[in-house]
Amino acid sequence: MFRVPPRPRTRTPAEHLGRAFGVQRTMDAAGAVLGPLAALGVLALSGQTYGRRKALRIP
């Protein structure tokens, strides 16, 4: 899945556009970091064994 740039929200008042954009970018970056960590946690808790090469392979 490809990440797309954030879209501007039309319902945000003009004086808060910068802050809204910053919050959206921060949440996007946090999801990009926490998502793979959560996936690794689920794999670790599943009890299945995955080889290091297989787990780190990029499709």
PDB file of N, CA and C in Angstrom:
ATOM      1  N   MET A   1       0.843  -1.176   0.000  1.00  0.00           N
ATOM      2  CA  MET A   1       0.000   0.000   0.000  1.00  0.00           C
ATOM      3  C   MET A   1       0.889   1.240   0.000  1.00  0.00           C
ATOM      4  N   PHE A   2       0.557   2.187  -0.817  1.00  0.00           N
ATOM      5  CA  PHE A   2       1.338   3.407  -0.910  1.00  0.00           C
ATOM      6  C   PHE A   2       0.740   4.481  -0.025  1.00  0.00           C
ATOM      7  N   ARG A   3       1.605   5.217   0.627  1.00  0.00           N
ATOM      8  CA  ARG A   3       1.134   6.333   1.444  1.00  0.00           C
ATOM      9  C   ARG A   3       0.961   7.544   0.537  1.00  0.00           C
ATOM     10  N   VAL A   4      -0.091   8.285   0.763  1.00  0.00           N
ATOM     11  CA  VAL A   4      -0.372   9.472  -0.039  1.00  0.00           C
ATOM     12  C   VAL A   4      -0.197  10.706   0.829  1.00  0.00           C
ATOM     13  N   PRO A   5       0.120  11.846   0.239  1.00  0.00           N
ATOM     14  CA  PRO A   5       0.265  13.056   1.044  1.00  0.00           C
ATOM     15  C   PRO A   5      -1.071  13.467   1.662  1.00  0.00           C
ATOM     16  N   PRO A   6      -1.031  14.092   2.822  1.00  0.00           N
ATOM     17  CA  PRO A   6      -2.277  14.503   3.466  1.00  0.00           C
ATOM     18  C   PRO A   6      -3.051  15.508   2.610  1.00  0.00           C
ATOM     19  N   ARG A   7      -4.346  15.401   2.653  1.00  0.00           N
ATOM     20  CA  ARG A   7      -5.211  16.321   1.919  1.00  0.00           C
ATOM     21  C   ARG A   7      -5.674  17.431   2.858  1.00  0.00           C
ATOM     22  N   PRO A   8      -5.781  18.636   2.369  1.00  0.00           N
ATOM     23  CA  PRO A   8      -6.248  19.719   3.235  1.00  0.00           C
ATOM     24  C   PRO A   8      -7.718  19.543   3.608  1.00  0.00           C
ATOM     25  N   ARG A   9      -8.054  19.901   4.807  1.00  0.00           N
ATOM     26  CA  ARG A   9      -9.439  19.820   5.277  1.00  0.00           C
ATOM     27  C   ARG A   9     -10.107  21.179   5.063  1.00  0.00           C
ATOM     28  N   THR A  10     -11.258  21.180   4.423  1.00  0.00           N
ATOM     29  CA  THR A  10     -11.928  22.441   4.136  1.00  0.00           C
ATOM     30  C   THR A  10     -12.710  22.962   5.335  1.00  0.00           C
ATOM     31  N   ARG A  11     -12.993  22.097   6.311  1.00  0.00           N
ATOM     32  CA  ARG A  11     -13.773  22.529   7.465  1.00  0.00           C
ATOM     33  C   ARG A  11     -12.917  23.174   8.551  1.00  0.00           C
ATOM     34  N   THR A  12     -11.617  23.156   8.391  1.00  0.00           N
ATOM     35  CA  THR A  12     -10.724  23.764   9.364  1.00  0.00           C
ATOM     36  C   THR A  12     -10.676  25.266   9.126  1.00  0.00           C
ATOM     37  N   PRO A  13     -10.854  26.062  10.179  1.00  0.00           N
ATOM     38  CA  PRO A  13     -10.765  27.512  10.000  1.00  0.00           C
ATOM     39  C   PRO A  13      -9.380  27.917   9.483  1.00  0.00           C
ATOM     40  N   ALA A  14      -9.322  28.977   8.746  1.00  0.00           N
ATOM     41  CA  ALA A  14      -8.084  29.407   8.103  1.00  0.00           C
ATOM     42  C   ALA A  14      -6.963  29.643   9.103  1.00  0.00           C
ATOM     43  N   GLU A  15      -7.281  30.132  10.298  1.00  0.00           N
ATOM     44  CA  GLU A  15      -6.216  30.421  11.277  1.00  0.00           C
ATOM     45  C   GLU A  15      -5.632  29.158  11.906  1.00  0.00           C
ATOM     46  N   HIS A  16      -6.262  27.992  11.678  1.00  0.00           N
ATOM     47  CA  HIS A  16      -5.772  26.744  12.260  1.00  0.00           C
ATOM     48  C   HIS A  16      -5.247  25.763  11.209  1.00  0.00           C
ATOM     49  N   LEU A  17      -5.117  26.181   9.970  1.00  0.00           N
ATOM     50  CA  LEU A  17      -4.685  25.275   8.911  1.00  0.00           C
ATOM     51  C   LEU A  17      -3.278  24.735   9.147  1.00  0.00           C
ATOM     52  N   GLY A  18      -2.369  25.583   9.583  1.00  0.00           N
ATOM     53  CA  GLY A  18      -0.991  25.143   9.824  1.00  0.00           C
ATOM     54  C   GLY A  18      -0.916  24.103  10.924  1.00  0.00           C
ATOM     55  N   ARG A  19      -1.625  24.335  12.002  1.00  0.00           N
ATOM     56  CA  ARG A  19      -1.626  23.393  13.120  1.00  0.00           C
ATOM     57  C   ARG A  19      -2.275  22.075  12.702  1.00  0.00           C
ATOM     58  N   ALA A  20      -3.384  22.143  11.964  1.00  0.00           N
ATOM     59  CA  ALA A  20      -4.062  20.934  11.520  1.00  0.00           C
ATOM     60  C   ALA A  20      -3.158  20.114  10.605  1.00  0.00           C
ATOM     61  N   PHE A  21      -2.422  20.781   9.736  1.00  0.00           N
ATOM     62  CA  PHE A  21      -1.497  20.082   8.851  1.00  0.00           C
ATOM     63  C   PHE A  21      -0.387  19.422   9.655  1.00  0.00           C
ATOM     64  N   GLY A  22       0.143  20.125  10.646  1.00  0.00           N
ATOM     65  CA  GLY A  22       1.202  19.571  11.487  1.00  0.00           C
ATOM     66  C   GLY A  22       0.740  18.366  12.275  1.00  0.00           C
ATOM     67  N   VAL A  23      -0.467  18.420  12.817  1.00  0.00           N
ATOM     68  CA  VAL A  23      -1.002  17.283  13.567  1.00  0.00           C
ATOM     69  C   VAL A  23      -1.180  16.087  12.645  1.00  0.00           C
ATOM     70  N   GLN A  24      -1.677  16.330  11.462  1.00  0.00           N
ATOM     71  CA  GLN A  24      -1.891  15.239  10.510  1.00  0.00           C
ATOM     72  C   GLN A  24      -0.565  14.605  10.110  1.00  0.00           C
ATOM     73  N   ARG A  25       0.456  15.410   9.861  1.00  0.00           N
ATOM     74  CA  ARG A  25       1.773  14.871   9.506  1.00  0.00           C
ATOM     75  C   ARG A  25       2.389  14.101  10.671  1.00  0.00           C
ATOM     76  N   THR A  26       2.198  14.599  11.895  1.00  0.00           N
ATOM     77  CA  THR A  26       2.726  13.909  13.066  1.00  0.00           C
ATOM     78  C   THR A  26       2.068  12.555  13.250  1.00  0.00           C
ATOM     79  N   MET A  27       0.756  12.495  13.089  1.00  0.00           N
ATOM     80  CA  MET A  27       0.047  11.228  13.232  1.00  0.00           C
ATOM     81  C   MET A  27       0.458  10.254  12.121  1.00  0.00           C
ATOM     82  N   ASP A  28       0.713  10.755  10.922  1.00  0.00           N
ATOM     83  CA  ASP A  28       1.159   9.912   9.824  1.00  0.00           C
ATOM     84  C   ASP A  28       2.527   9.313  10.137  1.00  0.00           C
ATOM     85  N   ALA A  29       3.438  10.128  10.645  1.00  0.00           N
ATOM     86  CA  ALA A  29       4.777   9.645  10.990  1.00  0.00           C
ATOM     87  C   ALA A  29       4.718   8.645  12.142  1.00  0.00           C
ATOM     88  N   ALA A  30       3.871   8.916  13.130  1.00  0.00           N
ATOM     89  CA  ALA A  30       3.736   7.993  14.258  1.00  0.00           C
ATOM     90  C   ALA A  30       3.194   6.643  13.788  1.00  0.00           C
ATOM     91  N   GLY A  31       2.237   6.659  12.885  1.00  0.00           N
ATOM     92  CA  GLY A  31       1.700   5.417  12.350  1.00  0.00           C
ATOM     93  C   GLY A  31       2.724   4.648  11.537  1.00  0.00           C
ATOM     94  N   ALA A  32       3.593   5.382  10.840  1.00  0.00           N
ATOM     95  CA  ALA A  32       4.631   4.729  10.050  1.00  0.00           C
ATOM     96  C   ALA A  32       5.646   4.034  10.944  1.00  0.00           C
ATOM     97  N   VAL A  33       5.850   4.535  12.147  1.00  0.00           N
ATOM     98  CA  VAL A  33       6.787   3.920  13.083  1.00  0.00           C
ATOM     99  C   VAL A  33       6.099   2.833  13.905  1.00  0.00           C
ATOM    100  N   LEU A  34       4.928   3.121  14.440  1.00  0.00           N
ATOM    101  CA  LEU A  34       4.257   2.192  15.349  1.00  0.00           C
ATOM    102  C   LEU A  34       3.613   1.001  14.640  1.00  0.00           C
ATOM    103  N   GLY A  35       3.217   1.165  13.390  1.00  0.00           N
ATOM    104  CA  GLY A  35       2.595   0.071  12.658  1.00  0.00           C
ATOM    105  C   GLY A  35       3.505  -1.143  12.514  1.00  0.00           C
ATOM    106  N   PRO A  36       4.708  -0.980  11.984  1.00  0.00           N
ATOM    107  CA  PRO A  36       5.610  -2.127  11.888  1.00  0.00           C
ATOM    108  C   PRO A  36       6.006  -2.702  13.258  1.00  0.00           C
ATOM    109  N   LEU A  37       6.152  -1.834  14.261  1.00  0.00           N
ATOM    110  CA  LEU A  37       6.465  -2.338  15.603  1.00  0.00           C
ATOM    111  C   LEU A  37       5.324  -3.191  16.146  1.00  0.00           C
ATOM    112  N   ALA A  38       4.092  -2.770  15.899  1.00  0.00           N
ATOM    113  CA  ALA A  38       2.941  -3.558  16.333  1.00  0.00           C
ATOM    114  C   ALA A  38       2.902  -4.895  15.594  1.00  0.00           C
ATOM    115  N   ALA A  39       3.214  -4.888  14.311  1.00  0.00           N
ATOM    116  CA  ALA A  39       3.232  -6.134  13.546  1.00  0.00           C
ATOM    117  C   ALA A  39       4.301  -7.080  14.077  1.00  0.00           C
ATOM    118  N   LEU A  40       5.470  -6.556  14.404  1.00  0.00           N
ATOM    119  CA  LEU A  40       6.517  -7.400  14.976  1.00  0.00           C
ATOM    120  C   LEU A  40       6.098  -7.946  16.331  1.00  0.00           C
ATOM    121  N   GLY A  41       5.388  -7.149  17.121  1.00  0.00           N
ATOM    122  CA  GLY A  41       4.892  -7.616  18.412  1.00  0.00           C
ATOM    123  C   GLY A  41       3.894  -8.747  18.253  1.00  0.00           C
ATOM    124  N   VAL A  42       2.999  -8.627  17.285  1.00  0.00           N
ATOM    125  CA  VAL A  42       2.022  -9.695  17.035  1.00  0.00           C
ATOM    126  C   VAL A  42       2.735 -10.965  16.589  1.00  0.00           C
ATOM    127  N   LEU A  43       3.731 -10.826  15.728  1.00  0.00           N
ATOM    128  CA  LEU A  43       4.492 -11.999  15.293  1.00  0.00           C
ATOM    129  C   LEU A  43       5.227 -12.638  16.467  1.00  0.00           C
ATOM    130  N   ALA A  44       5.789 -11.825  17.352  1.00  0.00           N
ATOM    131  CA  ALA A  44       6.505 -12.362  18.507  1.00  0.00           C
ATOM    132  C   ALA A  44       5.550 -13.088  19.456  1.00  0.00           C
ATOM    133  N   LEU A  45       4.342 -12.554  19.624  1.00  0.00           N
ATOM    134  CA  LEU A  45       3.383 -13.171  20.537  1.00  0.00           C
ATOM    135  C   LEU A  45       2.685 -14.389  19.940  1.00  0.00           C
ATOM    136  N   SER A  46       2.759 -14.545  18.631  1.00  0.00           N
ATOM    137  CA  SER A  46       2.063 -15.659  17.995  1.00  0.00           C
ATOM    138  C   SER A  46       2.736 -16.999  18.276  1.00  0.00           C
ATOM    139  N   GLY A  47       3.990 -16.976  18.672  1.00  0.00           N
ATOM    140  CA  GLY A  47       4.690 -18.204  19.001  1.00  0.00           C
ATOM    141  C   GLY A  47       5.245 -18.942  17.805  1.00  0.00           C
ATOM    142  N   GLN A  48       5.025 -18.447  16.622  1.00  0.00           N
ATOM    143  CA  GLN A  48       5.573 -19.090  15.435  1.00  0.00           C
ATOM    144  C   GLN A  48       7.020 -18.651  15.268  1.00  0.00           C
ATOM    145  N   THR A  49       7.798 -19.509  14.666  1.00  0.00           N
ATOM    146  CA  THR A  49       9.202 -19.157  14.450  1.00  0.00           C
ATOM    147  C   THR A  49       9.367 -18.638  13.026  1.00  0.00           C
ATOM    148  N   TYR A  50      10.037 -17.550  12.920  1.00  0.00           N
ATOM    149  CA  TYR A  50      10.339 -16.944  11.632  1.00  0.00           C
ATOM    150  C   TYR A  50      11.841 -16.723  11.584  1.00  0.00           C
ATOM    151  N   GLY A  51      12.446 -17.170  10.505  1.00  0.00           N
ATOM    152  CA  GLY A  51      13.872 -16.931  10.347  1.00  0.00           C
ATOM    153  C   GLY A  51      14.134 -15.450  10.138  1.00  0.00           C
ATOM    154  N   ARG A  52      15.304 -15.009  10.543  1.00  0.00           N
ATOM    155  CA  ARG A  52      15.637 -13.589  10.415  1.00  0.00           C
ATOM    156  C   ARG A  52      15.596 -13.152   8.962  1.00  0.00           C
ATOM    157  N   ARG A  53      16.104 -13.961   8.071  1.00  0.00           N
ATOM    158  CA  ARG A  53      16.082 -13.589   6.656  1.00  0.00           C
ATOM    159  C   ARG A  53      14.658 -13.519   6.118  1.00  0.00           C
ATOM    160  N   LYS A  54      13.822 -14.457   6.528  1.00  0.00           N
ATOM    161  CA  LYS A  54      12.440 -14.467   6.038  1.00  0.00           C
ATOM    162  C   LYS A  54      11.660 -13.280   6.588  1.00  0.00           C
ATOM    163  N   ALA A  55      11.890 -12.920   7.851  1.00  0.00           N
ATOM    164  CA  ALA A  55      11.144 -11.822   8.470  1.00  0.00           C
ATOM    165  C   ALA A  55      11.539 -10.468   7.899  1.00  0.00           C
ATOM    166  N   LEU A  56      12.797 -10.336   7.483  1.00  0.00           N
ATOM    167  CA  LEU A  56      13.281  -9.040   6.999  1.00  0.00           C
ATOM    168  C   LEU A  56      13.229  -8.900   5.481  1.00  0.00           C
ATOM    169  N   ARG A  57      12.741  -9.918   4.784  1.00  0.00           N
ATOM    170  CA  ARG A  57      12.675  -9.863   3.331  1.00  0.00           C
ATOM    171  C   ARG A  57      11.658  -8.801   2.882  1.00  0.00           C
ATOM    172  N   ILE A  58      12.064  -8.034   1.915  1.00  0.00           N
ATOM    173  CA  ILE A  58      11.170  -7.004   1.361  1.00  0.00           C
ATOM    174  C   ILE A  58      10.570  -7.567   0.081  1.00  0.00           C
ATOM    175  N   PRO A  59       9.241  -7.576  -0.021  1.00  0.00           N
ATOM    176  CA  PRO A  59       8.613  -8.165  -1.221  1.00  0.00           C
ATOM    177  C   PRO A  59       8.907  -7.376  -2.483  1.00  0.00           C
TER     178      PRO A  59
END
